[in-house]
């Protein structure tokens, strides 16, 4: 199982219509085949400079790769991510075997 996470800050004021629209568009990513446990996250710790996160899981690397190249994902990146995100960190990981 692959967990894909991205933590970020937006270029929009907190609670603005632009912020709400960004997350409305982000939630549509959950409909892409292979996406499991999709979540929009709000940072509550002062330990880093990011305000939000997106998290999702994929059963296989092939499903994750298909998501990355899916037209809905690439459109979200072009239409929302590149203009709306000020800074981010992406972390993809697998659970360690016992």
Protein backbone atom coordinates (compact mmCIF):
# COMPACT_ATOMS: atom_id res chain seq x y z
CA UNK A 1 0.00 0.00 0.00
CA UNK A 2 1.34 3.41 -1.01
CA UNK A 3 0.38 6.53 0.91
CA UNK A 4 0.67 9.73 -1.12
CA UNK A 5 0.70 12.95 0.90
CA UNK A 6 1.35 16.54 0.01
CA UNK A 7 1.51 19.36 2.52
CA UNK A 8 1.19 22.95 1.34
CA UNK A 9 0.32 26.59 1.84
CA UNK A 10 -2.00 28.45 -0.48
CA UNK A 11 -1.73 31.85 -2.14
CA UNK A 12 -5.28 32.64 -0.97
CA UNK A 13 -6.52 34.29 2.22
CA UNK A 14 -7.71 31.92 4.93
CA UNK A 15 -11.41 31.08 4.47
CA UNK A 16 -11.63 32.86 1.11
CA UNK A 17 -13.80 31.77 -1.79
CA UNK A 18 -10.60 30.93 -3.70
CA UNK A 19 -9.50 28.61 -0.88
CA UNK A 20 -12.92 26.94 -0.83
CA UNK A 21 -12.86 26.50 -4.61
CA UNK A 22 -9.37 24.97 -4.45
CA UNK A 23 -10.55 22.29 -2.02
CA UNK A 24 -13.77 21.69 -3.98
CA UNK A 25 -11.62 20.92 -7.02
CA UNK A 26 -9.15 18.85 -4.97
CA UNK A 27 -11.96 16.64 -3.64
CA UNK A 28 -12.76 15.62 -7.22
CA UNK A 29 -9.43 13.73 -7.26
CA UNK A 30 -11.05 11.10 -5.03
CA UNK A 31 -13.06 9.89 -8.04
CA UNK A 32 -9.95 8.89 -10.01
CA UNK A 33 -9.74 5.09 -10.22
CA UNK A 34 -7.42 3.57 -7.63
CA UNK A 35 -7.64 6.41 -5.09
CA UNK A 36 -8.42 5.14 -1.58
CA UNK A 37 -8.95 7.01 1.69
CA UNK A 38 -8.76 10.48 0.16
CA UNK A 39 -8.65 13.30 2.72
CA UNK A 40 -8.22 17.07 2.76
CA UNK A 41 -6.29 18.06 5.88
CA UNK A 42 -5.76 21.23 7.93
CA UNK A 43 -2.52 21.65 9.83
CA UNK A 44 -2.96 22.18 13.60
CA UNK A 45 0.67 22.02 14.73
CA UNK A 46 3.05 25.00 14.81
CA UNK A 47 5.99 22.68 13.97
CA UNK A 48 6.09 23.54 10.26
CA UNK A 49 5.03 26.31 7.87
CA UNK A 50 2.41 24.38 5.88
CA UNK A 51 -1.30 25.02 6.40
CA UNK A 52 -3.00 22.13 4.59
CA UNK A 53 -2.53 18.64 3.26
CA UNK A 54 -3.98 16.08 0.89
CA UNK A 55 -3.63 12.39 1.61
CA UNK A 56 -4.65 9.25 -0.28
CA UNK A 57 -3.66 5.63 -0.64
CA UNK A 58 -3.06 3.31 -3.57
CA UNK A 59 -2.98 -0.49 -3.50
CA UNK A 60 -0.12 -0.70 -6.02
CA UNK A 61 2.57 1.38 -7.68
CA UNK A 62 0.79 0.90 -11.01
CA UNK A 63 -2.40 2.50 -9.62
CA UNK A 64 -0.38 5.39 -8.21
CA UNK A 65 1.34 5.89 -11.56
CA UNK A 66 -2.01 5.80 -13.36
CA UNK A 67 -3.34 8.46 -10.95
CA UNK A 68 -0.31 10.68 -11.57
CA UNK A 69 -0.91 10.54 -15.33
CA UNK A 70 -4.73 10.65 -15.21
CA UNK A 71 -6.19 13.61 -17.17
CA UNK A 72 -8.23 14.80 -14.16
CA UNK A 73 -5.08 14.92 -12.03
CA UNK A 74 -2.98 16.71 -14.63
CA UNK A 75 -5.82 19.22 -15.19
CA UNK A 76 -6.06 19.86 -11.43
CA UNK A 77 -2.32 20.51 -11.31
CA UNK A 78 -2.44 22.92 -14.28
CA UNK A 79 -5.65 24.74 -13.35
CA UNK A 80 -5.43 24.83 -9.54
CA UNK A 81 -2.15 23.64 -8.06
CA UNK A 82 0.31 25.72 -10.08
CA UNK A 83 -1.62 28.94 -9.48
CA UNK A 84 -2.93 28.29 -5.97
CA UNK A 85 -0.05 26.71 -4.07
CA UNK A 86 2.65 28.93 -2.59
CA UNK A 87 4.89 26.16 -1.21
CA UNK A 88 4.64 22.39 -0.70
CA UNK A 89 6.33 19.17 0.29
CA UNK A 90 5.33 15.82 -1.20
CA UNK A 91 5.92 12.59 0.69
CA UNK A 92 5.09 9.15 -0.71
CA UNK A 93 5.69 6.11 1.41
CA UNK A 94 5.00 2.44 2.01
CA UNK A 95 4.52 0.80 5.39
CA UNK A 96 7.47 -1.13 6.76
CA UNK A 97 7.03 -4.87 7.03
CA UNK A 98 6.98 -6.25 10.55
